[in-house]
Amino acid sequence: MSHPVNDAPPGGIDYVAVEESPRFVELKRKHRSFVFPLAVFFLVWYFVYVLLSSFAPDFMAQSVWGNINVGLLLGLGQFVTTFAITMWYVSFANRSLDPISTEIRERLEKQEPSA
């Protein structure tokens, strides 16, 4: 006997319905609205650094203080930016994503048949 596409298998969870549920759609929207702009920002920042290194060596070689030059500061800025974005994402996920995903997971665990 065949089942319609959106029906859950007997004793199982309809994961398509879960994926289309308002809370899951909200979770994906929140995640994307945070991750995509930051990814674009970081990639632009990274490529600006690479392009400056390739096409503006005199600018990158300008001394700022002693042996410290603009290129070194911008290179270290790449690491600082990476750690800052990571900390910001963890904070965002803990505050905005985890409560929704926990709610979805708990609802699914209640639907799951006992083993």
N, C-alpha and C. Protein backbone atom coordinates (compact mmCIF):
# COMPACT_ATOMS: atom_id res chain seq x y z
N MET A 1 0.86 -1.18 0.00
CA MET A 1 0.00 0.00 0.00
C MET A 1 0.90 1.23 0.00
N SER A 2 0.68 2.14 -0.92
CA SER A 2 1.53 3.33 -1.00
C SER A 2 0.93 4.46 -0.18
N HIS A 3 1.82 5.33 0.32
CA HIS A 3 1.44 6.47 1.13
C HIS A 3 1.69 7.74 0.35
N PRO A 4 0.86 8.78 0.54
CA PRO A 4 1.17 10.07 -0.09
C PRO A 4 2.54 10.56 0.39
N VAL A 5 3.18 11.39 -0.40
CA VAL A 5 4.54 11.84 -0.14
C VAL A 5 4.69 12.47 1.25
N ASN A 6 3.73 13.27 1.71
CA ASN A 6 3.88 13.99 2.96
C ASN A 6 3.44 13.20 4.19
N ASP A 7 2.94 11.97 4.02
CA ASP A 7 2.57 11.17 5.18
C ASP A 7 3.80 10.57 5.82
N ALA A 8 3.80 10.55 7.14
CA ALA A 8 4.91 9.94 7.86
C ALA A 8 4.83 8.43 7.70
N PRO A 9 5.95 7.76 7.66
CA PRO A 9 5.91 6.31 7.62
C PRO A 9 5.27 5.80 8.92
N PRO A 10 4.68 4.63 8.89
CA PRO A 10 4.05 4.11 10.10
C PRO A 10 5.03 4.12 11.26
N GLY A 11 4.65 4.78 12.36
CA GLY A 11 5.50 4.83 13.55
C GLY A 11 6.71 5.73 13.39
N GLY A 12 6.82 6.48 12.29
CA GLY A 12 7.99 7.32 12.05
C GLY A 12 7.65 8.79 12.09
N ILE A 13 8.63 9.59 11.74
CA ILE A 13 8.49 11.05 11.75
C ILE A 13 8.50 11.53 10.31
N ASP A 14 7.61 12.44 10.00
CA ASP A 14 7.55 13.04 8.67
C ASP A 14 8.53 14.22 8.64
N TYR A 15 9.75 13.93 8.21
CA TYR A 15 10.81 14.94 8.23
C TYR A 15 10.56 16.05 7.20
N VAL A 16 9.85 15.74 6.12
CA VAL A 16 9.52 16.78 5.15
C VAL A 16 8.59 17.80 5.80
N ALA A 17 7.61 17.31 6.56
CA ALA A 17 6.69 18.21 7.26
C ALA A 17 7.44 19.04 8.29
N VAL A 18 8.39 18.43 8.97
CA VAL A 18 9.20 19.16 9.96
C VAL A 18 9.98 20.26 9.27
N GLU A 19 10.59 19.93 8.14
CA GLU A 19 11.38 20.91 7.40
C GLU A 19 10.52 22.07 6.89
N GLU A 20 9.26 21.81 6.63
CA GLU A 20 8.36 22.84 6.14
C GLU A 20 7.59 23.55 7.26
N SER A 21 7.81 23.12 8.49
CA SER A 21 7.09 23.72 9.63
C SER A 21 7.54 25.17 9.85
N PRO A 22 6.66 26.01 10.38
CA PRO A 22 7.02 27.43 10.60
C PRO A 22 8.25 27.62 11.48
N ARG A 23 8.41 26.81 12.53
CA ARG A 23 9.57 26.98 13.41
C ARG A 23 10.88 26.62 12.71
N PHE A 24 10.85 25.56 11.90
CA PHE A 24 12.06 25.17 11.18
C PHE A 24 12.41 26.22 10.12
N VAL A 25 11.39 26.72 9.43
CA VAL A 25 11.60 27.77 8.43
C VAL A 25 12.18 29.01 9.11
N GLU A 26 11.66 29.34 10.30
CA GLU A 26 12.19 30.48 11.05
C GLU A 26 13.65 30.24 11.44
N LEU A 27 13.96 29.02 11.89
CA LEU A 27 15.34 28.68 12.25
C LEU A 27 16.28 28.86 11.06
N LYS A 28 15.89 28.35 9.90
CA LYS A 28 16.72 28.50 8.70
C LYS A 28 16.87 29.96 8.32
N ARG A 29 15.78 30.74 8.41
CA ARG A 29 15.83 32.16 8.05
C ARG A 29 16.78 32.91 8.97
N LYS A 30 16.67 32.67 10.28
CA LYS A 30 17.56 33.35 11.22
C LYS A 30 19.01 32.98 10.97
N HIS A 31 19.27 31.70 10.72
CA HIS A 31 20.63 31.25 10.48
C HIS A 31 21.20 31.91 9.23
N ARG A 32 20.44 31.86 8.14
CA ARG A 32 20.91 32.44 6.89
C ARG A 32 21.09 33.95 6.98
N SER A 33 20.18 34.62 7.67
CA SER A 33 20.27 36.09 7.75
C SER A 33 21.49 36.53 8.55
N PHE A 34 22.03 35.64 9.37
CA PHE A 34 23.25 35.96 10.11
C PHE A 34 24.48 35.52 9.32
N VAL A 35 24.47 34.29 8.83
CA VAL A 35 25.66 33.70 8.23
C VAL A 35 26.01 34.30 6.88
N PHE A 36 25.04 34.47 5.99
CA PHE A 36 25.36 34.94 4.65
C PHE A 36 25.99 36.33 4.63
N PRO A 37 25.43 37.33 5.32
CA PRO A 37 26.09 38.64 5.29
C PRO A 37 27.49 38.61 5.89
N LEU A 38 27.68 37.85 6.96
CA LEU A 38 29.02 37.78 7.55
C LEU A 38 29.99 37.06 6.63
N ALA A 39 29.53 36.03 5.95
CA ALA A 39 30.40 35.32 5.01
C ALA A 39 30.81 36.25 3.87
N VAL A 40 29.86 37.01 3.35
CA VAL A 40 30.18 37.97 2.28
C VAL A 40 31.18 39.00 2.80
N PHE A 41 30.90 39.56 3.98
CA PHE A 41 31.82 40.54 4.56
C PHE A 41 33.22 39.97 4.69
N PHE A 42 33.33 38.76 5.26
CA PHE A 42 34.65 38.20 5.48
C PHE A 42 35.37 37.91 4.16
N LEU A 43 34.65 37.38 3.18
CA LEU A 43 35.29 37.10 1.89
C LEU A 43 35.77 38.38 1.21
N VAL A 44 34.96 39.43 1.27
CA VAL A 44 35.39 40.71 0.70
C VAL A 44 36.63 41.22 1.43
N TRP A 45 36.61 41.18 2.74
CA TRP A 45 37.75 41.62 3.57
C TRP A 45 38.99 40.80 3.24
N TYR A 46 38.85 39.49 3.09
CA TYR A 46 39.97 38.62 2.76
C TYR A 46 40.52 38.94 1.37
N PHE A 47 39.64 39.07 0.37
CA PHE A 47 40.12 39.35 -0.98
C PHE A 47 40.72 40.74 -1.11
N VAL A 48 40.23 41.70 -0.35
CA VAL A 48 40.86 43.02 -0.33
C VAL A 48 42.30 42.88 0.16
N TYR A 49 42.48 42.10 1.21
CA TYR A 49 43.83 41.87 1.75
C TYR A 49 44.72 41.20 0.70
N VAL A 50 44.21 40.16 0.05
CA VAL A 50 45.00 39.45 -0.96
C VAL A 50 45.32 40.39 -2.13
N LEU A 51 44.33 41.15 -2.59
CA LEU A 51 44.56 42.06 -3.71
C LEU A 51 45.55 43.17 -3.35
N LEU A 52 45.43 43.71 -2.14
CA LEU A 52 46.40 44.72 -1.71
C LEU A 52 47.80 44.12 -1.66
N SER A 53 47.91 42.89 -1.18
CA SER A 53 49.22 42.23 -1.12
C SER A 53 49.81 42.05 -2.51
N SER A 54 48.95 41.78 -3.48
CA SER A 54 49.42 41.53 -4.84
C SER A 54 49.67 42.80 -5.64
N PHE A 55 48.77 43.78 -5.49
CA PHE A 55 48.80 44.93 -6.38
C PHE A 55 49.19 46.25 -5.71
N ALA A 56 49.36 46.25 -4.40
CA ALA A 56 49.77 47.48 -3.70
C ALA A 56 50.88 47.16 -2.70
N PRO A 57 51.98 46.58 -3.18
CA PRO A 57 53.04 46.19 -2.24
C PRO A 57 53.67 47.38 -1.52
N ASP A 58 53.71 48.53 -2.17
CA ASP A 58 54.29 49.71 -1.50
C ASP A 58 53.42 50.14 -0.32
N PHE A 59 52.11 50.11 -0.53
CA PHE A 59 51.18 50.45 0.57
C PHE A 59 51.33 49.44 1.71
N MET A 60 51.36 48.15 1.37
CA MET A 60 51.46 47.12 2.41
C MET A 60 52.80 47.18 3.15
N ALA A 61 53.82 47.70 2.49
CA ALA A 61 55.15 47.75 3.09
C ALA A 61 55.37 49.00 3.93
N GLN A 62 54.41 49.92 3.95
CA GLN A 62 54.57 51.14 4.74
C GLN A 62 54.75 50.80 6.21
N SER A 63 55.78 51.37 6.78
CA SER A 63 56.08 51.12 8.19
C SER A 63 55.08 51.87 9.07
N VAL A 64 54.59 51.17 10.08
CA VAL A 64 53.67 51.78 11.04
C VAL A 64 54.43 52.10 12.32
N TRP A 65 55.24 51.13 12.75
CA TRP A 65 56.03 51.31 13.96
C TRP A 65 57.15 50.28 13.94
N GLY A 66 58.38 50.71 13.88
CA GLY A 66 59.52 49.79 13.84
C GLY A 66 59.41 48.87 12.62
N ASN A 67 59.49 47.56 12.88
CA ASN A 67 59.38 46.58 11.80
C ASN A 67 57.94 46.19 11.49
N ILE A 68 57.00 46.83 12.13
CA ILE A 68 55.57 46.54 11.91
C ILE A 68 55.09 47.38 10.73
N ASN A 69 54.55 46.70 9.70
CA ASN A 69 54.05 47.43 8.54
C ASN A 69 52.55 47.20 8.36
N VAL A 70 51.95 47.89 7.41
CA VAL A 70 50.51 47.80 7.16
C VAL A 70 50.11 46.37 6.82
N GLY A 71 50.90 45.70 6.00
CA GLY A 71 50.59 44.32 5.60
C GLY A 71 50.52 43.39 6.79
N LEU A 72 51.44 43.53 7.72
CA LEU A 72 51.43 42.69 8.92
C LEU A 72 50.19 42.96 9.76
N LEU A 73 49.86 44.23 9.93
CA LEU A 73 48.67 44.58 10.72
C LEU A 73 47.40 44.04 10.07
N LEU A 74 47.29 44.20 8.74
CA LEU A 74 46.10 43.67 8.06
C LEU A 74 46.06 42.14 8.11
N GLY A 75 47.21 41.50 8.01
CA GLY A 75 47.28 40.04 8.12
C GLY A 75 46.84 39.56 9.49
N LEU A 76 47.34 40.23 10.53
CA LEU A 76 46.91 39.87 11.88
C LEU A 76 45.42 40.18 12.07
N GLY A 77 44.95 41.23 11.38
CA GLY A 77 43.54 41.56 11.43
C GLY A 77 42.66 40.45 10.87
N GLN A 78 43.20 39.66 9.95
CA GLN A 78 42.45 38.51 9.43
C GLN A 78 42.18 37.51 10.56
N PHE A 79 43.19 37.27 11.38
CA PHE A 79 43.00 36.33 12.51
C PHE A 79 42.03 36.90 13.53
N VAL A 80 42.19 38.17 13.84
CA VAL A 80 41.30 38.82 14.81
C VAL A 80 39.86 38.76 14.32
N THR A 81 39.67 39.07 13.04
CA THR A 81 38.33 39.03 12.46
C THR A 81 37.74 37.62 12.53
N THR A 82 38.53 36.62 12.22
CA THR A 82 38.05 35.23 12.28
C THR A 82 37.58 34.88 13.68
N PHE A 83 38.38 35.19 14.69
CA PHE A 83 37.99 34.88 16.07
C PHE A 83 36.77 35.70 16.50
N ALA A 84 36.71 36.96 16.10
CA ALA A 84 35.57 37.81 16.47
C ALA A 84 34.28 37.29 15.85
N ILE A 85 34.34 36.90 14.57
CA ILE A 85 33.15 36.35 13.91
C ILE A 85 32.72 35.05 14.58
N THR A 86 33.70 34.22 14.93
CA THR A 86 33.37 32.96 15.60
C THR A 86 32.69 33.20 16.94
N MET A 87 33.23 34.11 17.73
CA MET A 87 32.61 34.41 19.03
C MET A 87 31.23 35.02 18.85
N TRP A 88 31.07 35.88 17.87
CA TRP A 88 29.78 36.50 17.60
C TRP A 88 28.76 35.44 17.19
N TYR A 89 29.18 34.50 16.31
CA TYR A 89 28.27 33.45 15.88
C TYR A 89 27.86 32.55 17.04
N VAL A 90 28.81 32.17 17.88
CA VAL A 90 28.49 31.32 19.03
C VAL A 90 27.47 32.01 19.93
N SER A 91 27.69 33.29 20.18
CA SER A 91 26.75 34.06 21.00
C SER A 91 25.37 34.11 20.35
N PHE A 92 25.35 34.40 19.05
CA PHE A 92 24.09 34.45 18.31
C PHE A 92 23.38 33.10 18.34
N ALA A 93 24.12 32.03 18.09
CA ALA A 93 23.52 30.70 18.08
C ALA A 93 22.96 30.33 19.45
N ASN A 94 23.72 30.61 20.50
CA ASN A 94 23.23 30.31 21.85
C ASN A 94 21.96 31.08 22.17
N ARG A 95 21.89 32.30 21.74
CA ARG A 95 20.77 33.19 22.06
C ARG A 95 19.56 32.98 21.15
N SER A 96 19.79 32.81 19.84
CA SER A 96 18.70 32.83 18.88
C SER A 96 18.38 31.49 18.21
N LEU A 97 19.39 30.69 17.96
CA LEU A 97 19.16 29.44 17.22
C LEU A 97 18.91 28.25 18.13
N ASP A 98 19.69 28.15 19.19
CA ASP A 98 19.58 26.98 20.06
C ASP A 98 18.21 26.80 20.70
N PRO A 99 17.56 27.87 21.17
CA PRO A 99 16.22 27.66 21.74
C PRO A 99 15.22 27.08 20.73
N ILE A 100 15.28 27.55 19.50
CA ILE A 100 14.37 27.03 18.47
C ILE A 100 14.71 25.59 18.13
N SER A 101 15.99 25.31 17.95
CA SER A 101 16.39 23.94 17.59
C SER A 101 16.10 22.97 18.73
N THR A 102 16.25 23.42 19.96
CA THR A 102 15.91 22.57 21.11
C THR A 102 14.42 22.26 21.12
N GLU A 103 13.61 23.28 20.85
CA GLU A 103 12.16 23.09 20.80
C GLU A 103 11.79 22.07 19.71
N ILE A 104 12.38 22.20 18.54
CA ILE A 104 12.10 21.28 17.43
C ILE A 104 12.55 19.87 17.79
N ARG A 105 13.75 19.75 18.34
CA ARG A 105 14.28 18.44 18.72
C ARG A 105 13.40 17.76 19.77
N GLU A 106 12.99 18.52 20.79
CA GLU A 106 12.15 17.95 21.84
C GLU A 106 10.81 17.48 21.27
N ARG A 107 10.25 18.26 20.36
CA ARG A 107 8.98 17.86 19.73
C ARG A 107 9.17 16.57 18.93
N LEU A 108 10.29 16.46 18.22
CA LEU A 108 10.57 15.24 17.45
C LEU A 108 10.79 14.04 18.35
N GLU A 109 11.48 14.26 19.46
CA GLU A 109 11.73 13.14 20.39
C GLU A 109 10.43 12.60 20.96
N LYS A 110 9.44 13.45 21.14
CA LYS A 110 8.13 13.00 21.64
C LYS A 110 7.40 12.17 20.59
N GLN A 111 7.64 12.48 19.30
CA GLN A 111 6.99 11.76 18.21
C GLN A 111 7.67 10.44 17.90
N GLU A 112 8.95 10.32 18.29
CA GLU A 112 9.73 9.15 17.96
C GLU A 112 9.19 7.93 18.69
N PRO A 113 9.04 6.82 17.98
CA PRO A 113 8.55 5.60 18.66
C PRO A 113 9.59 5.07 19.64
N SER A 114 9.12 4.47 20.71
CA SER A 114 10.05 3.89 21.70
C SER A 114 10.80 2.74 21.08
N ALA A 115 12.08 2.65 21.43
CA ALA A 115 12.91 1.57 20.87
C ALA A 115 12.71 0.28 21.60
